[in-house]
Amino acid sequence: MGLINRFFLLLLSLITLALSIAVLGAVFGWLSEAVWLEAIRYALGRQETIAAAVMAFLIGLKLLAQVFSRSREKMSSKGEYVIESGPRGEVRVALDAVRNFTDRLAREAHGVRDVRVAVKAKNRKEGATLALQLDLVVGREAEVTTLSEKLTTTIQQQLEQTMALAEVPVTIVIKDVSDAQPSKKHRVV
């Protein structure tokens, strides 16, 4: 559940709690009949009451729609990915390791000025999936189609050879074409 839906749920819960306390107060005589009838008459004559009722109705509809909506499978960009699982245990690789490995491979390619790698992983019962997206800044000398095919092939071969990750889909997005020198990634050790 998202942050906005949690806020709406909190708001609707507080309104419901306040109304239920008022109703209990009226039922058990904690509030005299004259007081709560006068409060109801006053509230029904105000425009703010209509606005609050409409807002509560819309919030209720949104939360009701969330109840019946299909949950999207969550893609993670942090954590670990299971490479192999067996009776002796599991072999996992950190998604940051895959990201750094792919980053180095992409920066070695001729024509790549800068790269940003996004790793997305899904761990499902039917099987885990892993996907990469590379946002590239390339030089004008680079032929984009050749570079992307070569880079995709290299990354897929190296991931299979090094980490036993077969057929990882690689999406390449050319963000910019630049004449600037290739940026060097500074590492803090």
N, C-alpha and C. Protein backbone atom coordinates (compact mmCIF):
# COMPACT_ATOMS: atom_id res chain seq x y z
N MET A 1 0.86 -1.16 0.00
CA MET A 1 0.00 0.00 0.00
C MET A 1 0.90 1.22 0.00
N GLY A 2 0.59 2.18 -0.87
CA GLY A 2 1.40 3.37 -1.00
C GLY A 2 1.20 4.35 0.14
N LEU A 3 2.05 5.33 0.18
CA LEU A 3 2.02 6.34 1.23
C LEU A 3 0.73 7.14 1.20
N ILE A 4 0.26 7.50 0.02
CA ILE A 4 -0.97 8.29 -0.10
C ILE A 4 -2.17 7.47 0.39
N ASN A 5 -2.22 6.21 0.01
CA ASN A 5 -3.32 5.35 0.45
C ASN A 5 -3.29 5.16 1.97
N ARG A 6 -2.10 5.07 2.55
CA ARG A 6 -2.00 4.95 4.01
C ARG A 6 -2.50 6.22 4.68
N PHE A 7 -2.18 7.37 4.11
CA PHE A 7 -2.66 8.63 4.67
C PHE A 7 -4.19 8.70 4.59
N PHE A 8 -4.75 8.33 3.44
CA PHE A 8 -6.21 8.32 3.29
C PHE A 8 -6.86 7.36 4.29
N LEU A 9 -6.25 6.21 4.47
CA LEU A 9 -6.78 5.23 5.42
C LEU A 9 -6.73 5.77 6.84
N LEU A 10 -5.65 6.46 7.19
CA LEU A 10 -5.55 7.07 8.51
C LEU A 10 -6.64 8.12 8.70
N LEU A 11 -6.81 8.98 7.70
CA LEU A 11 -7.81 10.04 7.76
C LEU A 11 -9.22 9.45 7.91
N LEU A 12 -9.54 8.47 7.09
CA LEU A 12 -10.86 7.84 7.16
C LEU A 12 -11.07 7.11 8.48
N SER A 13 -10.03 6.49 9.00
CA SER A 13 -10.13 5.80 10.29
C SER A 13 -10.38 6.79 11.43
N LEU A 14 -9.70 7.94 11.40
CA LEU A 14 -9.92 8.94 12.45
C LEU A 14 -11.34 9.52 12.40
N ILE A 15 -11.84 9.76 11.18
CA ILE A 15 -13.21 10.26 11.04
C ILE A 15 -14.20 9.23 11.56
N THR A 16 -13.99 7.97 11.20
CA THR A 16 -14.88 6.90 11.66
C THR A 16 -14.83 6.76 13.17
N LEU A 17 -13.65 6.84 13.73
CA LEU A 17 -13.49 6.75 15.18
C LEU A 17 -14.23 7.89 15.89
N ALA A 18 -14.08 9.12 15.38
CA ALA A 18 -14.76 10.27 15.99
C ALA A 18 -16.28 10.13 15.89
N LEU A 19 -16.78 9.70 14.73
CA LEU A 19 -18.22 9.51 14.58
C LEU A 19 -18.76 8.41 15.48
N SER A 20 -18.01 7.33 15.62
CA SER A 20 -18.48 6.24 16.47
C SER A 20 -18.51 6.66 17.94
N ILE A 21 -17.54 7.47 18.38
CA ILE A 21 -17.56 7.97 19.77
C ILE A 21 -18.74 8.90 19.98
N ALA A 22 -19.04 9.75 18.98
CA ALA A 22 -20.20 10.65 19.09
C ALA A 22 -21.50 9.86 19.15
N VAL A 23 -21.62 8.82 18.34
CA VAL A 23 -22.84 8.00 18.35
C VAL A 23 -22.96 7.28 19.69
N LEU A 24 -21.87 6.73 20.20
CA LEU A 24 -21.91 6.06 21.51
C LEU A 24 -22.28 7.05 22.62
N GLY A 25 -21.75 8.27 22.51
CA GLY A 25 -22.09 9.30 23.49
C GLY A 25 -23.57 9.62 23.47
N ALA A 26 -24.17 9.66 22.28
CA ALA A 26 -25.60 9.95 22.18
C ALA A 26 -26.44 8.77 22.67
N VAL A 27 -26.01 7.55 22.35
CA VAL A 27 -26.77 6.36 22.74
C VAL A 27 -26.77 6.18 24.26
N PHE A 28 -25.62 6.34 24.89
CA PHE A 28 -25.52 6.10 26.33
C PHE A 28 -25.84 7.34 27.17
N GLY A 29 -26.21 8.42 26.53
CA GLY A 29 -26.63 9.60 27.26
C GLY A 29 -25.49 10.46 27.80
N TRP A 30 -24.27 10.25 27.31
CA TRP A 30 -23.16 11.09 27.74
C TRP A 30 -23.35 12.50 27.21
N LEU A 31 -23.99 12.61 26.06
CA LEU A 31 -24.35 13.91 25.47
C LEU A 31 -25.87 14.03 25.56
N SER A 32 -26.31 15.17 25.99
CA SER A 32 -27.76 15.34 26.05
C SER A 32 -28.31 15.45 24.63
N GLU A 33 -29.57 15.07 24.49
CA GLU A 33 -30.21 15.06 23.17
C GLU A 33 -30.22 16.44 22.55
N ALA A 34 -30.43 17.46 23.35
CA ALA A 34 -30.48 18.83 22.83
C ALA A 34 -29.13 19.24 22.25
N VAL A 35 -28.03 18.81 22.88
CA VAL A 35 -26.69 19.20 22.41
C VAL A 35 -26.38 18.56 21.07
N TRP A 36 -26.59 17.23 20.96
CA TRP A 36 -26.19 16.60 19.70
C TRP A 36 -27.17 16.90 18.57
N LEU A 37 -28.45 17.13 18.87
CA LEU A 37 -29.39 17.54 17.83
C LEU A 37 -29.05 18.93 17.31
N GLU A 38 -28.67 19.83 18.20
CA GLU A 38 -28.28 21.18 17.79
C GLU A 38 -26.99 21.14 16.96
N ALA A 39 -26.05 20.28 17.35
CA ALA A 39 -24.80 20.14 16.58
C ALA A 39 -25.07 19.58 15.20
N ILE A 40 -25.98 18.62 15.09
CA ILE A 40 -26.33 18.04 13.79
C ILE A 40 -27.02 19.08 12.91
N ARG A 41 -27.97 19.83 13.48
CA ARG A 41 -28.66 20.88 12.71
C ARG A 41 -27.67 21.93 12.19
N TYR A 42 -26.74 22.32 13.06
CA TYR A 42 -25.74 23.31 12.67
C TYR A 42 -24.85 22.76 11.55
N ALA A 43 -24.38 21.50 11.71
CA ALA A 43 -23.47 20.90 10.72
C ALA A 43 -24.16 20.70 9.37
N LEU A 44 -25.45 20.32 9.39
CA LEU A 44 -26.16 20.09 8.14
C LEU A 44 -26.41 21.37 7.36
N GLY A 45 -26.36 22.51 8.01
CA GLY A 45 -26.58 23.77 7.34
C GLY A 45 -25.30 24.39 6.80
N ARG A 46 -24.13 23.72 6.95
CA ARG A 46 -22.85 24.29 6.53
C ARG A 46 -22.37 23.67 5.22
N GLN A 47 -21.70 24.49 4.40
CA GLN A 47 -21.13 24.00 3.14
C GLN A 47 -19.92 23.10 3.40
N GLU A 48 -19.21 23.34 4.50
CA GLU A 48 -18.05 22.52 4.83
C GLU A 48 -18.44 21.07 5.07
N THR A 49 -19.65 20.86 5.58
CA THR A 49 -20.12 19.50 5.81
C THR A 49 -20.28 18.76 4.50
N ILE A 50 -20.81 19.45 3.49
CA ILE A 50 -20.96 18.83 2.16
C ILE A 50 -19.59 18.49 1.59
N ALA A 51 -18.65 19.43 1.71
CA ALA A 51 -17.30 19.19 1.19
C ALA A 51 -16.63 18.02 1.91
N ALA A 52 -16.78 17.95 3.23
CA ALA A 52 -16.19 16.85 3.99
C ALA A 52 -16.83 15.52 3.62
N ALA A 53 -18.15 15.51 3.41
CA ALA A 53 -18.84 14.27 3.03
C ALA A 53 -18.39 13.81 1.65
N VAL A 54 -18.24 14.75 0.71
CA VAL A 54 -17.77 14.39 -0.63
C VAL A 54 -16.34 13.85 -0.57
N MET A 55 -15.47 14.49 0.22
CA MET A 55 -14.09 14.02 0.35
C MET A 55 -14.04 12.62 0.98
N ALA A 56 -14.83 12.42 2.02
CA ALA A 56 -14.87 11.09 2.66
C ALA A 56 -15.38 10.03 1.68
N PHE A 57 -16.37 10.40 0.88
CA PHE A 57 -16.90 9.48 -0.13
C PHE A 57 -15.83 9.13 -1.16
N LEU A 58 -15.10 10.14 -1.66
CA LEU A 58 -14.05 9.90 -2.66
C LEU A 58 -12.90 9.08 -2.08
N ILE A 59 -12.51 9.37 -0.85
CA ILE A 59 -11.46 8.59 -0.21
C ILE A 59 -11.91 7.15 -0.04
N GLY A 60 -13.16 6.96 0.36
CA GLY A 60 -13.69 5.61 0.50
C GLY A 60 -13.70 4.86 -0.81
N LEU A 61 -14.08 5.55 -1.90
CA LEU A 61 -14.05 4.91 -3.22
C LEU A 61 -12.63 4.52 -3.63
N LYS A 62 -11.67 5.40 -3.38
CA LYS A 62 -10.28 5.11 -3.74
C LYS A 62 -9.76 3.90 -2.98
N LEU A 63 -10.04 3.86 -1.67
CA LEU A 63 -9.59 2.72 -0.88
C LEU A 63 -10.32 1.43 -1.27
N LEU A 64 -11.58 1.55 -1.64
CA LEU A 64 -12.32 0.38 -2.11
C LEU A 64 -11.75 -0.13 -3.43
N ALA A 65 -11.37 0.79 -4.31
CA ALA A 65 -10.74 0.38 -5.57
C ALA A 65 -9.40 -0.30 -5.31
N GLN A 66 -8.66 0.14 -4.30
CA GLN A 66 -7.39 -0.50 -3.96
C GLN A 66 -7.58 -1.93 -3.46
N VAL A 67 -8.69 -2.16 -2.78
CA VAL A 67 -8.97 -3.51 -2.28
C VAL A 67 -9.13 -4.48 -3.44
N PHE A 68 -9.79 -4.05 -4.51
CA PHE A 68 -10.08 -4.94 -5.63
C PHE A 68 -9.07 -4.86 -6.77
N SER A 69 -8.09 -3.97 -6.67
CA SER A 69 -7.10 -3.87 -7.74
C SER A 69 -6.10 -5.01 -7.64
N ARG A 70 -5.58 -5.39 -8.78
CA ARG A 70 -4.59 -6.46 -8.81
C ARG A 70 -3.27 -5.90 -8.31
N SER A 71 -2.63 -6.65 -7.48
CA SER A 71 -1.34 -6.18 -6.97
C SER A 71 -0.28 -6.41 -8.03
N ARG A 72 0.51 -5.37 -8.25
CA ARG A 72 1.61 -5.47 -9.20
C ARG A 72 2.77 -6.19 -8.53
N GLU A 73 3.45 -6.98 -9.32
CA GLU A 73 4.61 -7.65 -8.78
C GLU A 73 5.70 -6.62 -8.56
N LYS A 74 6.30 -6.69 -7.41
CA LYS A 74 7.30 -5.70 -7.07
C LYS A 74 8.64 -6.08 -7.67
N MET A 75 9.23 -5.09 -8.29
CA MET A 75 10.58 -5.23 -8.80
C MET A 75 11.50 -4.57 -7.79
N SER A 76 12.56 -5.26 -7.45
CA SER A 76 13.49 -4.74 -6.47
C SER A 76 14.78 -4.32 -7.17
N SER A 77 15.38 -3.26 -6.68
CA SER A 77 16.68 -2.86 -7.20
C SER A 77 17.74 -2.95 -6.11
N LYS A 78 17.36 -3.43 -4.96
CA LYS A 78 18.28 -3.62 -3.83
C LYS A 78 18.17 -5.07 -3.37
N GLY A 79 19.22 -5.53 -2.73
CA GLY A 79 19.17 -6.86 -2.16
C GLY A 79 19.98 -7.86 -2.95
N GLU A 80 19.48 -9.09 -2.97
CA GLU A 80 20.21 -10.19 -3.58
C GLU A 80 19.33 -10.95 -4.56
N TYR A 81 19.99 -11.67 -5.43
CA TYR A 81 19.31 -12.46 -6.45
C TYR A 81 19.83 -13.89 -6.33
N VAL A 82 18.94 -14.86 -6.30
CA VAL A 82 19.33 -16.26 -6.16
C VAL A 82 19.77 -16.78 -7.52
N ILE A 83 21.04 -17.21 -7.58
CA ILE A 83 21.57 -17.78 -8.83
C ILE A 83 21.29 -19.26 -8.88
N GLU A 84 21.52 -19.93 -7.77
CA GLU A 84 21.35 -21.38 -7.73
C GLU A 84 20.81 -21.77 -6.37
N SER A 85 19.88 -22.69 -6.37
CA SER A 85 19.31 -23.17 -5.12
C SER A 85 19.23 -24.69 -5.18
N GLY A 86 19.70 -25.31 -4.14
CA GLY A 86 19.68 -26.77 -4.11
C GLY A 86 19.64 -27.28 -2.69
N PRO A 87 19.76 -28.59 -2.52
CA PRO A 87 19.68 -29.16 -1.17
C PRO A 87 20.85 -28.73 -0.28
N ARG A 88 21.96 -28.36 -0.88
CA ARG A 88 23.13 -27.94 -0.09
C ARG A 88 23.07 -26.46 0.29
N GLY A 89 22.18 -25.72 -0.30
CA GLY A 89 22.07 -24.29 0.01
C GLY A 89 21.83 -23.46 -1.23
N GLU A 90 22.04 -22.18 -1.08
CA GLU A 90 21.80 -21.24 -2.17
C GLU A 90 23.06 -20.46 -2.50
N VAL A 91 23.13 -20.05 -3.76
CA VAL A 91 24.17 -19.12 -4.19
C VAL A 91 23.44 -17.85 -4.59
N ARG A 92 23.80 -16.75 -3.94
CA ARG A 92 23.16 -15.47 -4.21
C ARG A 92 24.20 -14.47 -4.68
N VAL A 93 23.74 -13.52 -5.46
CA VAL A 93 24.61 -12.43 -5.90
C VAL A 93 23.90 -11.12 -5.55
N ALA A 94 24.65 -10.19 -5.01
CA ALA A 94 24.09 -8.89 -4.68
C ALA A 94 23.77 -8.13 -5.96
N LEU A 95 22.62 -7.47 -5.99
CA LEU A 95 22.25 -6.71 -7.18
C LEU A 95 23.23 -5.56 -7.43
N ASP A 96 23.84 -5.05 -6.36
CA ASP A 96 24.88 -4.03 -6.54
C ASP A 96 26.08 -4.60 -7.28
N ALA A 97 26.40 -5.87 -7.04
CA ALA A 97 27.52 -6.51 -7.75
C ALA A 97 27.20 -6.62 -9.25
N VAL A 98 25.97 -6.98 -9.57
CA VAL A 98 25.56 -7.06 -10.98
C VAL A 98 25.62 -5.67 -11.60
N ARG A 99 25.14 -4.66 -10.86
CA ARG A 99 25.15 -3.28 -11.35
C ARG A 99 26.58 -2.80 -11.62
N ASN A 100 27.47 -3.02 -10.66
CA ASN A 100 28.86 -2.58 -10.81
C ASN A 100 29.57 -3.31 -11.94
N PHE A 101 29.31 -4.62 -12.06
CA PHE A 101 29.91 -5.42 -13.12
C PHE A 101 29.45 -4.92 -14.49
N THR A 102 28.15 -4.68 -14.62
CA THR A 102 27.60 -4.18 -15.88
C THR A 102 28.11 -2.78 -16.18
N ASP A 103 28.23 -1.95 -15.16
CA ASP A 103 28.75 -0.59 -15.32
C ASP A 103 30.16 -0.62 -15.90
N ARG A 104 31.01 -1.48 -15.34
CA ARG A 104 32.38 -1.59 -15.85
C ARG A 104 32.42 -2.07 -17.30
N LEU A 105 31.59 -3.06 -17.62
CA LEU A 105 31.54 -3.56 -18.99
C LEU A 105 31.09 -2.47 -19.96
N ALA A 106 30.09 -1.70 -19.57
CA ALA A 106 29.58 -0.65 -20.46
C ALA A 106 30.60 0.47 -20.65
N ARG A 107 31.31 0.83 -19.60
CA ARG A 107 32.29 1.92 -19.70
C ARG A 107 33.49 1.52 -20.57
N GLU A 108 33.75 0.23 -20.70
CA GLU A 108 34.85 -0.25 -21.54
C GLU A 108 34.52 -0.18 -23.02
N ALA A 109 33.25 -0.06 -23.36
CA ALA A 109 32.84 -0.06 -24.77
C ALA A 109 33.25 1.27 -25.43
N HIS A 110 33.75 1.18 -26.64
CA HIS A 110 34.17 2.36 -27.39
C HIS A 110 32.94 3.21 -27.75
N GLY A 111 33.01 4.48 -27.43
CA GLY A 111 31.92 5.39 -27.77
C GLY A 111 31.02 5.74 -26.60
N VAL A 112 31.15 5.00 -25.49
CA VAL A 112 30.32 5.27 -24.31
C VAL A 112 31.00 6.35 -23.48
N ARG A 113 30.29 7.45 -23.26
CA ARG A 113 30.82 8.56 -22.45
C ARG A 113 30.43 8.43 -20.98
N ASP A 114 29.20 8.02 -20.75
CA ASP A 114 28.71 7.86 -19.38
C ASP A 114 27.61 6.81 -19.39
N VAL A 115 27.40 6.18 -18.25
CA VAL A 115 26.40 5.12 -18.16
C VAL A 115 25.77 5.14 -16.76
N ARG A 116 24.50 4.83 -16.74
CA ARG A 116 23.78 4.63 -15.48
C ARG A 116 23.05 3.30 -15.63
N VAL A 117 23.32 2.37 -14.72
CA VAL A 117 22.76 1.02 -14.81
C VAL A 117 21.68 0.85 -13.75
N ALA A 118 20.52 0.38 -14.17
CA ALA A 118 19.43 0.04 -13.25
C ALA A 118 19.20 -1.46 -13.34
N VAL A 119 19.23 -2.12 -12.19
CA VAL A 119 19.01 -3.57 -12.11
C VAL A 119 17.67 -3.79 -11.42
N LYS A 120 16.81 -4.56 -12.05
CA LYS A 120 15.51 -4.89 -11.47
C LYS A 120 15.40 -6.40 -11.34
N ALA A 121 14.95 -6.84 -10.17
CA ALA A 121 14.83 -8.29 -9.93
C ALA A 121 13.47 -8.60 -9.32
N LYS A 122 12.94 -9.74 -9.71
CA LYS A 122 11.70 -10.29 -9.15
C LYS A 122 12.01 -11.68 -8.66
N ASN A 123 11.67 -11.97 -7.43
CA ASN A 123 11.80 -13.33 -6.91
C ASN A 123 10.40 -13.88 -6.73
N ARG A 124 10.02 -14.78 -7.61
CA ARG A 124 8.68 -15.38 -7.57
C ARG A 124 8.81 -16.86 -7.31
N LYS A 125 7.69 -17.46 -6.97
CA LYS A 125 7.69 -18.91 -6.74
C LYS A 125 7.91 -19.67 -8.04
N GLU A 126 7.39 -19.11 -9.16
CA GLU A 126 7.54 -19.79 -10.45
C GLU A 126 8.96 -19.66 -10.99
N GLY A 127 9.69 -18.71 -10.51
CA GLY A 127 11.04 -18.48 -11.00
C GLY A 127 11.40 -17.02 -10.91
N ALA A 128 12.64 -16.76 -10.69
CA ALA A 128 13.10 -15.39 -10.53
C ALA A 128 13.46 -14.81 -11.89
N THR A 129 13.32 -13.52 -12.01
CA THR A 129 13.70 -12.84 -13.24
C THR A 129 14.58 -11.65 -12.91
N LEU A 130 15.45 -11.34 -13.82
CA LEU A 130 16.38 -10.23 -13.65
C LEU A 130 16.39 -9.45 -14.95
N ALA A 131 16.42 -8.11 -14.86
CA ALA A 131 16.45 -7.27 -16.05
C ALA A 131 17.38 -6.09 -15.80
N LEU A 132 18.02 -5.64 -16.87
CA LEU A 132 18.94 -4.51 -16.79
C LEU A 132 18.48 -3.40 -17.72
N GLN A 133 18.67 -2.16 -17.27
CA GLN A 133 18.45 -1.01 -18.15
C GLN A 133 19.68 -0.12 -18.06
N LEU A 134 20.24 0.19 -19.21
CA LEU A 134 21.42 1.05 -19.28
C LEU A 134 21.02 2.37 -19.93
N ASP A 135 21.23 3.46 -19.20
CA ASP A 135 21.04 4.80 -19.75
C ASP A 135 22.42 5.30 -20.16
N LEU A 136 22.61 5.46 -21.46
CA LEU A 136 23.94 5.79 -21.99
C LEU A 136 24.02 7.22 -22.49
N VAL A 137 25.21 7.79 -22.31
CA VAL A 137 25.60 9.01 -23.01
C VAL A 137 26.71 8.55 -23.94
N VAL A 138 26.52 8.75 -25.23
CA VAL A 138 27.50 8.27 -26.21
C VAL A 138 28.11 9.44 -26.95
N GLY A 139 29.28 9.18 -27.55
CA GLY A 139 29.94 10.18 -28.37
C GLY A 139 29.36 10.20 -29.77
N ARG A 140 29.65 11.26 -30.51
CA ARG A 140 29.12 11.37 -31.87
C ARG A 140 29.71 10.32 -32.80
N GLU A 141 30.89 9.81 -32.45
CA GLU A 141 31.53 8.81 -33.31
C GLU A 141 30.88 7.44 -33.21
N ALA A 142 30.07 7.23 -32.19
CA ALA A 142 29.48 5.90 -31.96
C ALA A 142 28.27 5.69 -32.86
N GLU A 143 28.22 4.52 -33.47
CA GLU A 143 27.04 4.12 -34.22
C GLU A 143 26.13 3.39 -33.23
N VAL A 144 25.01 3.98 -32.94
CA VAL A 144 24.17 3.56 -31.83
C VAL A 144 23.70 2.11 -31.97
N THR A 145 23.25 1.72 -33.14
CA THR A 145 22.73 0.35 -33.29
C THR A 145 23.83 -0.69 -33.10
N THR A 146 24.99 -0.45 -33.69
CA THR A 146 26.10 -1.39 -33.55
C THR A 146 26.58 -1.43 -32.10
N LEU A 147 26.70 -0.25 -31.49
CA LEU A 147 27.14 -0.18 -30.11
C LEU A 147 26.18 -0.91 -29.18
N SER A 148 24.88 -0.71 -29.36
CA SER A 148 23.90 -1.34 -28.47
C SER A 148 23.88 -2.86 -28.66
N GLU A 149 23.97 -3.33 -29.90
CA GLU A 149 24.00 -4.78 -30.13
C GLU A 149 25.25 -5.40 -29.52
N LYS A 150 26.40 -4.75 -29.73
CA LYS A 150 27.66 -5.27 -29.20
C LYS A 150 27.64 -5.25 -27.67
N LEU A 151 27.15 -4.17 -27.10
CA LEU A 151 27.09 -4.04 -25.65
C LEU A 151 26.14 -5.05 -25.02
N THR A 152 24.98 -5.24 -25.65
CA THR A 152 24.01 -6.22 -25.16
C THR A 152 24.60 -7.62 -25.19
N THR A 153 25.23 -7.97 -26.29
CA THR A 153 25.84 -9.30 -26.43
C THR A 153 26.95 -9.50 -25.41
N THR A 154 27.81 -8.50 -25.26
CA THR A 154 28.92 -8.60 -24.31
C THR A 154 28.42 -8.76 -22.88
N ILE A 155 27.46 -7.94 -22.50
CA ILE A 155 26.93 -8.00 -21.13
C ILE A 155 26.27 -9.35 -20.88
N GLN A 156 25.45 -9.83 -21.82
CA GLN A 156 24.77 -11.11 -21.62
C GLN A 156 25.77 -12.26 -21.54
N GLN A 157 26.81 -12.24 -22.40
CA GLN A 157 27.82 -13.31 -22.37
C GLN A 157 28.60 -13.29 -21.06
N GLN A 158 29.01 -12.10 -20.63
CA GLN A 158 29.80 -12.00 -19.40
C GLN A 158 28.98 -12.37 -18.17
N LEU A 159 27.70 -11.97 -18.14
CA LEU A 159 26.86 -12.35 -17.00
C LEU A 159 26.65 -13.86 -16.95
N GLU A 160 26.49 -14.48 -18.12
CA GLU A 160 26.31 -15.94 -18.14
C GLU A 160 27.61 -16.64 -17.75
N GLN A 161 28.73 -16.14 -18.26
CA GLN A 161 30.01 -16.78 -17.99
C GLN A 161 30.44 -16.58 -16.52
N THR A 162 30.29 -15.39 -16.01
CA THR A 162 30.79 -15.08 -14.67
C THR A 162 29.82 -15.47 -13.56
N MET A 163 28.54 -15.16 -13.75
CA MET A 163 27.56 -15.33 -12.67
C MET A 163 26.49 -16.36 -12.98
N ALA A 164 26.60 -17.06 -14.09
CA ALA A 164 25.63 -18.08 -14.50
C ALA A 164 24.22 -17.51 -14.64
N LEU A 165 24.13 -16.27 -15.07
CA LEU A 165 22.84 -15.62 -15.32
C LEU A 165 22.57 -15.66 -16.82
N ALA A 166 21.68 -16.54 -17.22
CA ALA A 166 21.42 -16.75 -18.65
C ALA A 166 20.28 -15.86 -19.12
N GLU A 167 20.42 -15.36 -20.33
CA GLU A 167 19.39 -14.61 -21.04
C GLU A 167 18.78 -13.48 -20.22
N VAL A 168 19.64 -12.62 -19.69
CA VAL A 168 19.17 -11.44 -18.95
C VAL A 168 18.80 -10.37 -19.98
N PRO A 169 17.55 -9.91 -19.97
CA PRO A 169 17.18 -8.86 -20.92
C PRO A 169 17.88 -7.54 -20.59
N VAL A 170 18.45 -6.93 -21.62
CA VAL A 170 19.16 -5.67 -21.47
C VAL A 170 18.46 -4.62 -22.32
N THR A 171 18.00 -3.57 -21.68
CA THR A 171 17.38 -2.46 -22.39
C THR A 171 18.37 -1.31 -22.40
N ILE A 172 18.63 -0.78 -23.58
CA ILE A 172 19.57 0.34 -23.70
C ILE A 172 18.81 1.57 -24.14
N VAL A 173 18.98 2.63 -23.38
CA VAL A 173 18.35 3.91 -23.68
C VAL A 173 19.47 4.93 -23.88
N ILE A 174 19.49 5.56 -25.04
CA ILE A 174 20.48 6.60 -25.31
C ILE A 174 19.92 7.91 -24.77
N LYS A 175 20.51 8.40 -23.69
CA LYS A 175 20.02 9.62 -23.05
C LYS A 175 20.57 10.87 -23.69
N ASP A 176 21.80 10.78 -24.24
CA ASP A 176 22.40 11.98 -24.81
C ASP A 176 23.53 11.57 -25.74
N VAL A 177 23.85 12.46 -26.67
CA VAL A 177 25.01 12.31 -27.53
C VAL A 177 25.89 13.51 -27.22
N SER A 178 27.15 13.22 -26.86
CA SER A 178 28.00 14.28 -26.33
C SER A 178 29.39 14.21 -26.93
N ASP A 179 30.09 15.36 -26.91
CA ASP A 179 31.49 15.42 -27.32
C ASP A 179 32.42 15.43 -26.11
N ALA A 180 31.85 15.42 -24.93
CA ALA A 180 32.65 15.46 -23.70
C ALA A 180 33.47 14.19 -23.56
N GLN A 181 34.53 14.28 -22.78
CA GLN A 181 35.37 13.12 -22.51
C GLN A 181 34.59 12.12 -21.66
N PRO A 182 34.90 10.85 -21.79
CA PRO A 182 34.21 9.85 -20.96
C PRO A 182 34.40 10.17 -19.48
N SER A 183 33.32 10.07 -18.73
CA SER A 183 33.42 10.36 -17.30
C SER A 183 33.99 9.15 -16.59
N LYS A 184 34.85 9.42 -15.67
CA LYS A 184 35.45 8.34 -14.87
C LYS A 184 34.67 8.26 -13.58
N LYS A 185 34.31 7.08 -13.23
CA LYS A 185 33.55 6.88 -12.00
C LYS A 185 34.54 6.92 -10.84
N HIS A 186 34.33 7.84 -9.93
CA HIS A 186 35.21 7.96 -8.78
C HIS A 186 34.70 7.04 -7.68
N ARG A 187 35.60 6.26 -7.16
CA ARG A 187 35.23 5.32 -6.11
C ARG A 187 35.88 5.75 -4.81
N VAL A 188 35.12 5.70 -3.75
CA VAL A 188 35.64 5.97 -2.42
C VAL A 188 35.96 4.62 -1.80
N VAL A 189 37.19 4.47 -1.38
CA VAL A 189 37.61 3.19 -0.80
C VAL A 189 37.72 3.31 0.69
